[in-house]
Amino acid sequence: MPKFDDHPTVKWWREQMTQENRTTSIPVLDTDWLRKLCLDAGADDVGFVELERPALANQQQDILAAFPSTKTLISFVCRMNRDNVRTPARSIANLEFHATSDHTNDVARSIVKTLEEIGVRAMNPSAGFPMEMERFPGKVWVVSHKPVAVAAGLGHMGVHRNVIHPKFGNFILLGTILVDAQVSEYTYPIDYNPCLECKLCVAACPVGAIGADGHFDFSACYTHNYREFMGGFTDWAEAIADSKNARDYRSSVNDSESASMWQSLSFKSNYKAAYCIAACPAGEDVIAPFLTNRKEFLHEVVKPLQEKRETIYVVPGSDAEAYVARRFPHKTVKRVGNGIRPQSIQGFLFGLPLLFQRQQSKGLDAVYHFTFTGSQKRTATLTIRNQTIQVEEGHIGAANFVLTADSDTWLRFLAKEQNLIWAILRRKIRVKGSLKFLQAFAKCFPS
């Protein structure tokens, strides 16, 4: 074999890299040229954000872990066909989501390919799935597209937690490209929020995940809308494992549910609702029917979603379960697990605000001190007051209830693999204070 220095490829490169043509710095990309490149590739709008933008501070570490040479983020949107999303027939809506998602990834890949051809390194994380599932149930996505889009001037978050573009409304999917180059001119957030605060997303949501006061119940949305993704799939798989035979399985999972899961596995996972997007009238291209005849808009768009007879998936004892029974009694409630089991104490503490059920906390005013020992040492203070929750590092103030637990034992208890009483008897978990506070705490986090 030839020596390394004699290898044809090595010799070729060294011949190219003469002093005259060696690149000494990465060029600054012209904004107008880059915008045209993105639009020609199929994007419907685009913006540019420097990595150092303060709005992206909490993302910088994850972005650099994926692509260490990132200097600029290209944010772009691709439009969806509105009527496809608005129909109560979820097969049509899901096809639109998946087709636009594939298109968004294709657009991003095309842009990256062109940049690479001119010597600019770039990377395009997925617009949605696939994601880094070894991190589940933590942060499985590489880049958070929504705050990047807001920073780039492509819209603002609405009451329903979706980005609303000033022209296209919320009928968009987002893409982000990480680029190893600066651009000549960056873009910045628009000076108004396209959200009308009409609260139609609140009215359409079948699980009450969107509060009229701006509160968002992550657990309710995740459990129902994402039933055939991630945690919902885990819960379904465990239903199979726990079944004694086919008849026992059919007693908990009916044939249509099995067929729907098959479809998700063989094609792509199906969203159960996304009615908040369907009902939104915001955006210059979208608003005309709403302003022309609001009554007709409600009749044609919102009412069919509200009146649809369907199965709604809820965690037992959750706010969503009570909401569906009260607001949509014609819909069928099915009690399920959401499959969320923290793999670390950090994950447990991070998930508390997301899983908190504020209606179940009504009347509770308490401070909890947690101390975790063993392999994951950690202390934290949890305050539940006025139907809100606050999680803080360390022990702060006087506590109504104190819990000290071996970290591994606590995680097994959360996964329902460890009996709490047995753990207390073995002193793997120790408590101080009235057990009514522990019971009230558990009520706020049903599983």
Protein backbone atom coordinates (compact mmCIF):
# COMPACT_ATOMS: atom_id res chain seq x y z
CA MET A 1 0.00 0.00 0.00
CA PRO A 2 1.25 3.55 -0.73
CA LYS A 3 2.30 5.79 2.11
CA PHE A 4 -0.29 8.25 3.37
CA ASP A 5 1.48 11.22 1.76
CA ASP A 6 1.49 9.40 -1.58
CA HIS A 7 -2.22 8.59 -1.58
CA PRO A 8 -3.87 10.10 -4.71
CA THR A 9 -6.60 11.86 -2.77
CA VAL A 10 -4.16 13.37 -0.28
CA LYS A 11 -1.89 14.57 -3.08
CA TRP A 12 -4.84 16.02 -5.00
CA TRP A 13 -6.06 18.05 -2.05
CA ARG A 14 -2.64 19.40 -1.24
CA GLU A 15 -2.18 20.48 -4.83
CA GLN A 16 -5.46 22.42 -4.66
CA MET A 17 -4.54 24.13 -1.41
CA THR A 18 -1.86 26.40 -2.77
CA GLN A 19 -1.17 29.67 -1.04
CA GLU A 20 -3.08 31.53 -3.76
CA ASN A 21 -6.44 29.73 -3.41
CA ARG A 22 -6.44 28.64 0.22
CA THR A 23 -9.56 29.86 2.02
CA THR A 24 -8.57 31.92 5.04
CA SER A 25 -12.04 32.67 6.39
CA ILE A 26 -15.63 31.58 5.97
CA PRO A 27 -17.50 34.04 3.75
CA VAL A 28 -20.44 36.10 4.91
CA LEU A 29 -23.51 34.94 2.99
CA ASP A 30 -25.54 37.64 1.27
CA THR A 31 -28.99 37.75 2.86
CA ASP A 32 -30.88 38.39 -0.39
CA TRP A 33 -29.07 35.52 -2.13
CA LEU A 34 -29.74 33.17 0.77
CA ARG A 35 -33.40 34.17 0.97
CA LYS A 36 -33.85 33.47 -2.74
CA LEU A 37 -32.11 30.11 -2.33
CA CYS A 38 -34.55 29.11 0.42
CA LEU A 39 -37.66 30.29 -1.43
CA ASP A 40 -36.55 28.61 -4.65
CA ALA A 41 -36.06 25.39 -2.68
CA GLY A 42 -39.73 25.49 -1.64
CA ALA A 43 -39.90 27.51 1.59
CA ASP A 44 -42.81 29.95 1.83
CA ASP A 45 -41.02 32.41 4.12
CA VAL A 46 -37.61 32.55 5.77
CA GLY A 47 -35.62 34.45 8.41
CA PHE A 48 -32.09 34.39 9.82
CA VAL A 49 -30.91 34.41 13.44
CA GLU A 50 -27.37 34.58 14.79
CA LEU A 51 -26.55 31.86 17.33
CA GLU A 52 -25.62 34.44 19.97
CA ARG A 53 -29.13 35.95 19.97
CA PRO A 54 -30.22 36.12 23.66
CA ALA A 55 -33.58 34.55 22.71
CA LEU A 56 -31.71 31.33 21.88
CA ALA A 57 -29.50 31.28 24.99
CA ASN A 58 -31.17 28.21 26.48
CA GLN A 59 -30.74 26.33 23.18
CA GLN A 60 -27.13 27.15 22.38
CA GLN A 61 -25.62 24.20 24.21
CA ASP A 62 -27.84 21.63 22.47
CA ILE A 63 -27.33 23.27 19.06
CA LEU A 64 -23.56 23.29 19.41
CA ALA A 65 -23.59 19.68 20.61
CA ALA A 66 -25.25 18.71 17.32
CA PHE A 67 -23.24 21.05 15.06
CA PRO A 68 -20.32 22.72 16.89
CA SER A 69 -19.55 25.20 14.10
CA THR A 70 -23.04 26.75 14.04
CA LYS A 71 -22.99 30.51 13.55
CA THR A 72 -26.41 31.19 12.00
CA LEU A 73 -29.82 29.54 12.10
CA ILE A 74 -32.04 29.66 9.04
CA SER A 75 -35.70 29.46 10.04
CA PHE A 76 -38.33 28.84 7.40
CA VAL A 77 -42.00 27.92 7.09
CA CYS A 78 -43.91 25.69 4.70
CA ARG A 79 -47.65 26.19 4.30
CA MET A 80 -50.26 23.50 4.83
CA ASN A 81 -53.56 23.25 2.98
CA ARG A 82 -56.08 24.65 5.46
CA ASP A 83 -59.20 22.68 4.66
CA ASN A 84 -57.27 19.44 4.91
CA VAL A 85 -56.35 20.31 8.49
CA ARG A 86 -59.81 21.56 9.45
CA THR A 87 -61.81 18.47 8.52
CA PRO A 88 -63.04 16.20 11.33
CA ALA A 89 -61.69 13.30 9.23
CA ARG A 90 -58.35 12.89 10.93
CA SER A 91 -56.93 10.68 8.19
CA ILE A 92 -57.03 13.68 5.85
CA ALA A 93 -55.60 16.04 8.45
CA ASN A 94 -52.81 13.62 9.32
CA LEU A 95 -51.93 13.10 5.68
CA GLU A 96 -51.54 16.87 5.36
CA PHE A 97 -49.32 17.04 8.45
CA HIS A 98 -47.13 14.20 7.22
CA ALA A 99 -46.92 15.39 3.61
CA THR A 100 -45.97 18.92 4.67
CA SER A 101 -43.49 17.56 7.19
CA ASP A 102 -41.80 15.50 4.48
CA HIS A 103 -41.80 18.55 2.20
CA THR A 104 -40.26 20.69 4.96
CA ASN A 105 -37.44 18.18 5.44
CA ASP A 106 -36.90 17.99 1.67
CA VAL A 107 -36.67 21.79 1.47
CA ALA A 108 -34.14 21.89 4.29
CA ARG A 109 -32.07 19.12 2.75
CA SER A 110 -32.05 20.89 -0.63
CA ILE A 111 -30.79 24.11 0.96
CA VAL A 112 -28.08 22.26 2.86
CA LYS A 113 -27.02 20.47 -0.32
CA THR A 114 -26.61 23.75 -2.21
CA LEU A 115 -24.67 25.33 0.65
CA GLU A 116 -22.39 22.32 0.81
CA GLU A 117 -21.73 22.57 -2.93
CA ILE A 118 -20.37 26.11 -2.50
CA GLY A 119 -18.23 25.12 0.46
CA VAL A 120 -20.46 26.19 3.37
CA ARG A 121 -21.10 23.56 6.00
CA ALA A 122 -24.71 23.20 7.18
CA MET A 123 -27.03 20.72 8.88
CA ASN A 124 -30.81 20.32 8.94
CA PRO A 125 -32.39 18.73 12.05
CA SER A 126 -35.75 17.05 11.48
CA ALA A 127 -38.82 19.26 11.25
CA GLY A 128 -40.60 16.82 13.58
CA PHE A 129 -39.95 13.13 13.84
CA PRO A 130 -37.60 11.25 13.90
CA MET A 131 -36.05 12.49 17.13
CA GLU A 132 -33.41 11.36 19.64
CA MET A 133 -35.54 8.75 21.39
CA GLU A 134 -32.75 7.53 23.67
CA ARG A 135 -33.41 10.77 25.60
CA PHE A 136 -37.12 10.02 26.08
CA PRO A 137 -38.99 11.16 28.18
CA GLY A 138 -36.68 14.17 28.26
CA LYS A 139 -35.91 16.64 25.49
CA VAL A 140 -35.81 14.43 22.41
CA TRP A 141 -35.58 17.20 19.80
CA VAL A 142 -32.29 18.68 18.56
CA VAL A 143 -33.52 22.24 18.04
CA SER A 144 -36.67 24.00 19.25
CA HIS A 145 -38.13 25.34 16.01
CA LYS A 146 -40.78 27.61 17.55
CA PRO A 147 -38.56 30.09 19.47
CA VAL A 148 -36.17 30.18 16.50
CA ALA A 149 -39.06 31.09 14.17
CA VAL A 150 -40.24 33.82 16.55
CA ALA A 151 -36.70 35.24 16.81
CA ALA A 152 -36.43 35.17 13.01
CA GLY A 153 -39.58 37.27 12.57
CA LEU A 154 -41.83 34.52 11.20
CA GLY A 155 -44.64 35.09 13.71
CA HIS A 156 -45.45 34.83 17.40
CA MET A 157 -46.84 32.15 19.67
CA GLY A 158 -50.61 32.13 19.98
CA VAL A 159 -52.75 31.23 22.98
CA HIS A 160 -52.58 27.62 21.75
CA ARG A 161 -48.73 27.51 21.86
CA ASN A 162 -48.35 27.32 18.09
CA VAL A 163 -46.50 29.90 15.98
CA ILE A 164 -48.88 32.08 13.98
CA HIS A 165 -47.39 33.56 10.81
CA PRO A 166 -48.74 37.05 10.02
CA LYS A 167 -49.83 35.98 6.52
CA PHE A 168 -50.27 32.20 6.58
CA GLY A 169 -51.67 31.89 10.12
CA ASN A 170 -50.87 28.76 12.07
CA PHE A 171 -51.26 26.51 9.03
CA ILE A 172 -47.51 26.12 8.73
CA LEU A 173 -44.76 23.72 9.67
CA LEU A 174 -41.35 24.97 10.74
CA GLY A 175 -37.86 24.05 9.65
CA THR A 176 -34.45 25.11 10.95
CA ILE A 177 -31.01 24.84 9.34
CA LEU A 178 -27.74 25.25 11.25
CA VAL A 179 -25.10 27.03 9.18
CA ASP A 180 -21.35 27.48 9.62
CA ALA A 181 -21.38 31.04 8.26
CA GLN A 182 -22.67 34.47 9.09
CA VAL A 183 -25.16 36.35 6.91
CA SER A 184 -25.02 39.97 5.89
CA GLU A 185 -28.30 40.90 7.59
CA TYR A 186 -30.31 39.13 10.28
CA THR A 187 -34.06 39.31 10.88
CA TYR A 188 -35.91 40.11 14.09
CA PRO A 189 -39.33 39.47 15.70
CA ILE A 190 -42.33 41.20 14.20
CA ASP A 191 -43.81 44.02 16.29
CA TYR A 192 -47.27 42.51 16.88
CA ASN A 193 -48.79 39.14 17.65
CA PRO A 194 -51.07 37.79 14.88
CA CYS A 195 -53.04 35.87 17.55
CA LEU A 196 -56.56 37.35 17.81
CA GLU A 197 -57.14 35.87 21.27
CA CYS A 198 -60.53 34.75 19.96
CA LYS A 199 -60.18 31.63 22.15
CA LEU A 200 -61.56 29.31 19.44
CA CYS A 201 -58.62 27.02 20.17
CA VAL A 202 -59.86 26.88 23.76
CA ALA A 203 -63.36 26.00 22.58
CA ALA A 204 -62.18 23.32 20.14
CA CYS A 205 -59.68 21.47 22.32
CA PRO A 206 -61.34 18.19 23.37
CA VAL A 207 -59.30 17.79 26.58
CA GLY A 208 -59.25 21.36 27.92
CA ALA A 209 -55.49 21.62 27.50
CA ILE A 210 -55.70 25.31 26.57
CA GLY A 211 -57.04 27.56 29.30
CA ALA A 212 -58.85 30.81 28.56
CA ASP A 213 -56.42 32.46 30.98
CA GLY A 214 -53.40 31.27 29.01
CA HIS A 215 -52.65 28.16 31.07
CA PHE A 216 -51.52 25.10 29.13
CA ASP A 217 -51.97 21.53 30.37
CA PHE A 218 -49.12 19.64 28.73
CA SER A 219 -50.21 16.29 30.16
CA ALA A 220 -53.73 16.54 28.73
CA CYS A 221 -52.51 17.40 25.22
CA TYR A 222 -49.74 14.82 25.26
CA THR A 223 -51.91 11.97 26.54
CA HIS A 224 -54.66 12.40 23.92
CA ASN A 225 -53.21 14.04 20.83
CA TYR A 226 -50.03 11.96 20.95
CA ARG A 227 -51.69 8.72 21.98
CA GLU A 228 -50.00 6.78 19.17
CA PHE A 229 -46.59 8.32 19.73
CA MET A 230 -43.91 7.66 22.35
CA GLY A 231 -45.55 7.26 25.76
CA GLY A 232 -48.91 6.23 24.34
CA PHE A 233 -47.25 3.49 22.34
CA THR A 234 -45.40 2.34 25.47
CA ASP A 235 -48.70 2.19 27.36
CA TRP A 236 -50.29 0.18 24.53
CA ALA A 237 -47.34 -2.23 24.38
CA GLU A 238 -47.63 -2.83 28.12
CA ALA A 239 -51.35 -3.49 27.70
CA ILE A 240 -50.38 -6.31 25.35
CA ALA A 241 -47.76 -7.62 27.79
CA ASP A 242 -50.23 -7.56 30.68
CA SER A 243 -52.99 -9.35 28.75
CA LYS A 244 -53.59 -13.01 29.58
CA ASN A 245 -54.91 -13.84 26.11
CA ALA A 246 -56.55 -12.31 23.04
CA ARG A 247 -59.92 -11.92 24.75
CA ASP A 248 -58.32 -10.15 27.69
CA TYR A 249 -56.47 -7.81 25.29
CA ARG A 250 -59.70 -6.98 23.42
CA SER A 251 -61.39 -6.12 26.69
CA SER A 252 -58.97 -3.18 27.10
CA VAL A 253 -58.13 -2.34 23.46
CA ASN A 254 -60.91 -2.55 20.89
CA ASP A 255 -60.43 -3.50 17.25
CA SER A 256 -60.51 0.06 15.90
CA GLU A 257 -57.81 1.09 18.36
CA SER A 258 -55.65 -1.86 17.31
CA ALA A 259 -56.20 -0.97 13.65
CA SER A 260 -55.30 2.66 14.31
CA MET A 261 -52.10 1.64 16.07
CA TRP A 262 -51.28 -0.68 13.16
CA GLN A 263 -51.76 2.24 10.78
CA SER A 264 -49.44 4.41 12.86
CA LEU A 265 -46.82 1.68 12.92
CA SER A 266 -47.06 0.79 9.23
CA PHE A 267 -47.46 4.33 7.85
CA LYS A 268 -46.83 7.21 10.25
CA SER A 269 -48.09 8.09 13.71
CA ASN A 270 -51.49 9.75 13.75
CA TYR A 271 -52.40 12.80 15.78
CA LYS A 272 -55.74 12.42 17.55
CA ALA A 273 -56.75 16.08 17.51
CA ALA A 274 -54.69 19.22 16.69
CA TYR A 275 -58.09 20.96 16.71
CA CYS A 276 -56.40 24.10 18.08
CA ILE A 277 -54.67 24.55 14.72
CA ALA A 278 -57.80 23.67 12.75
CA ALA A 279 -59.96 26.29 14.52
CA CYS A 280 -57.50 29.21 14.39
CA PRO A 281 -58.70 32.07 12.11
CA ALA A 282 -55.57 34.27 12.46
CA GLY A 283 -53.39 35.39 9.55
CA GLU A 284 -53.98 37.63 6.55
CA ASP A 285 -54.64 34.73 4.18
CA VAL A 286 -56.92 33.00 6.69
CA ILE A 287 -59.00 35.62 8.46
CA ALA A 288 -61.58 36.55 5.77
CA PRO A 289 -64.22 33.86 6.50
CA PHE A 290 -64.06 34.60 10.22
CA LEU A 291 -64.52 38.35 9.84
CA THR A 292 -67.10 38.01 7.05
CA ASN A 293 -69.48 35.75 8.98
CA ARG A 294 -68.38 34.55 12.40
CA LYS A 295 -71.51 32.50 12.97
CA GLU A 296 -70.99 30.59 9.74
CA PHE A 297 -67.30 30.12 10.53
CA LEU A 298 -68.17 28.57 13.88
CA HIS A 299 -70.78 26.34 12.23
CA GLU A 300 -68.47 25.11 9.46
CA VAL A 301 -65.14 24.86 11.27
CA VAL A 302 -65.48 24.68 15.05
CA LYS A 303 -68.80 22.90 15.63
CA PRO A 304 -67.95 19.76 13.63
CA LEU A 305 -64.85 19.27 15.79
CA GLN A 306 -66.77 19.84 19.00
CA GLU A 307 -69.65 17.57 18.00
CA LYS A 308 -67.56 14.71 16.66
CA ARG A 309 -68.14 11.44 18.49
CA GLU A 310 -64.73 10.04 19.26
CA THR A 311 -62.61 8.43 21.95
CA ILE A 312 -60.73 10.85 24.19
CA TYR A 313 -57.70 9.50 26.04
CA VAL A 314 -57.13 10.78 29.57
CA VAL A 315 -55.08 9.92 32.63
CA PRO A 316 -57.36 8.72 35.48
CA GLY A 317 -58.08 11.47 37.98
CA SER A 318 -56.74 14.19 35.68
CA ASP A 319 -58.21 17.60 34.93
CA ALA A 320 -58.80 16.39 31.37
CA GLU A 321 -61.03 13.54 32.53
CA ALA A 322 -63.27 15.93 34.44
CA TYR A 323 -63.26 18.43 31.56
CA VAL A 324 -64.40 15.95 28.91
CA ALA A 325 -67.21 14.64 31.11
CA ARG A 326 -68.43 18.18 31.72
CA ARG A 327 -67.85 19.81 28.33
CA PHE A 328 -68.20 16.94 25.83
CA PRO A 329 -70.40 14.23 27.36
CA HIS A 330 -71.08 12.75 23.90
CA LYS A 331 -67.41 11.85 23.49
CA THR A 332 -66.14 8.56 24.95
CA VAL A 333 -63.57 8.87 27.73
CA LYS A 334 -60.91 6.19 27.90
CA ARG A 335 -58.56 6.08 30.90
CA VAL A 336 -54.98 5.32 29.96
CA GLY A 337 -51.43 5.88 31.12
CA ASN A 338 -49.27 8.44 29.33
CA GLY A 339 -46.13 6.33 29.52
CA ILE A 340 -44.05 9.14 31.04
CA ARG A 341 -41.56 7.68 33.50
CA PRO A 342 -38.61 9.89 34.46
CA GLN A 343 -35.24 8.21 34.08
CA SER A 344 -33.44 10.60 36.43
CA ILE A 345 -34.12 12.90 39.36
CA GLN A 346 -33.46 15.85 37.05
CA GLY A 347 -36.13 14.48 34.73
CA PHE A 348 -38.54 14.08 37.65
CA LEU A 349 -38.10 17.70 38.78
CA PHE A 350 -38.22 19.02 35.21
CA GLY A 351 -41.47 17.18 34.54
CA LEU A 352 -43.37 18.35 37.62
CA PRO A 353 -44.63 21.66 36.11
CA LEU A 354 -45.56 19.85 32.88
CA LEU A 355 -47.60 17.15 34.58
CA PHE A 356 -49.14 19.35 37.30
CA GLN A 357 -52.96 19.28 37.39
CA ARG A 358 -54.07 22.62 38.73
CA GLN A 359 -57.74 21.76 39.23
CA GLN A 360 -56.72 18.80 41.37
CA SER A 361 -54.60 21.16 43.50
CA LYS A 362 -57.52 23.40 44.40
CA GLY A 363 -57.34 24.41 48.07
CA LEU A 364 -53.79 23.10 48.54
CA ASP A 365 -51.23 25.49 50.04
CA ALA A 366 -48.08 23.59 50.91
CA VAL A 367 -44.29 23.59 50.71
CA TYR A 368 -42.44 20.32 50.13
CA HIS A 369 -38.75 19.68 50.71
CA PHE A 370 -37.22 16.83 48.72
CA THR A 371 -33.83 15.30 49.45
CA PHE A 372 -32.52 12.60 47.13
CA THR A 373 -29.61 10.45 48.17
CA GLY A 374 -27.64 7.62 46.61
CA SER A 375 -26.53 7.71 42.99
CA GLN A 376 -28.29 11.02 42.20
CA LYS A 377 -27.94 13.48 45.06
CA ARG A 378 -30.26 16.46 44.83
CA THR A 379 -32.34 18.79 47.01
CA ALA A 380 -35.38 20.76 45.88
CA THR A 381 -38.30 22.79 47.14
CA LEU A 382 -41.75 22.37 45.63
CA THR A 383 -44.40 25.00 46.39
CA ILE A 384 -48.05 24.46 45.44
CA ARG A 385 -50.22 27.49 46.07
CA ASN A 386 -53.17 29.19 44.36
CA GLN A 387 -53.32 26.35 41.82
CA THR A 388 -49.77 27.03 40.65
CA ILE A 389 -46.53 25.13 41.12
CA GLN A 390 -42.96 26.32 41.62
CA VAL A 391 -39.89 24.08 41.69
CA GLU A 392 -36.66 25.52 43.12
CA GLU A 393 -33.17 24.19 43.72
CA GLY A 394 -32.25 23.53 47.37
CA HIS A 395 -34.36 23.81 50.51
CA ILE A 396 -36.09 27.16 50.81
CA GLY A 397 -38.19 28.31 53.80
CA ALA A 398 -40.17 26.10 56.16
CA ALA A 399 -41.71 22.92 54.75
CA ASN A 400 -45.09 21.35 55.48
CA PHE A 401 -43.78 18.01 54.32
CA VAL A 402 -40.26 16.60 54.04
CA LEU A 403 -39.34 13.59 51.93
CA THR A 404 -35.92 11.95 51.84
CA ALA A 405 -35.46 9.14 49.37
CA ASP A 406 -32.83 6.99 47.79
CA SER A 407 -32.89 8.25 44.20
CA ASP A 408 -33.03 4.81 42.55
CA THR A 409 -35.83 3.70 44.86
CA TRP A 410 -37.83 6.86 44.12
CA LEU A 411 -37.53 6.38 40.37
CA ARG A 412 -38.67 2.76 40.70
CA PHE A 413 -41.63 3.94 42.77
CA LEU A 414 -42.59 6.44 40.05
CA ALA A 415 -42.39 3.61 37.51
CA LYS A 416 -44.72 1.55 39.73
CA GLU A 417 -41.99 -1.02 40.26
CA GLN A 418 -41.51 -0.27 43.96
CA ASN A 419 -44.11 -0.40 46.74
CA LEU A 420 -44.11 2.86 48.70
CA ILE A 421 -45.00 1.29 52.06
CA TRP A 422 -42.28 -1.33 51.70
CA ALA A 423 -39.76 1.40 50.78
CA ILE A 424 -40.74 3.38 53.88
CA LEU A 425 -40.43 0.30 56.11
CA ARG A 426 -36.94 -0.32 54.71
CA ARG A 427 -36.16 3.38 55.24
CA LYS A 428 -35.30 3.81 51.59
CA ILE A 429 -37.91 6.57 51.68
CA ARG A 430 -38.42 8.66 54.83
CA VAL A 431 -41.14 11.22 55.37
CA LYS A 432 -41.79 13.92 57.95
CA GLY A 433 -45.14 15.64 58.22
CA SER A 434 -48.79 14.73 57.84
CA LEU A 435 -49.44 12.10 55.18
CA LYS A 436 -52.36 14.21 53.97
CA PHE A 437 -49.79 16.42 52.26
CA LEU A 438 -48.34 13.38 50.48
CA GLN A 439 -51.81 12.34 49.38
CA ALA A 440 -52.57 15.87 48.17
CA PHE A 441 -49.28 15.89 46.28
CA ALA A 442 -50.08 12.59 44.54
CA LYS A 443 -53.50 13.95 43.53
CA CYS A 444 -51.81 16.79 41.66
CA PHE A 445 -49.81 14.31 39.57
CA PRO A 446 -52.13 11.42 38.63
CA SER A 447 -50.65 8.61 36.55
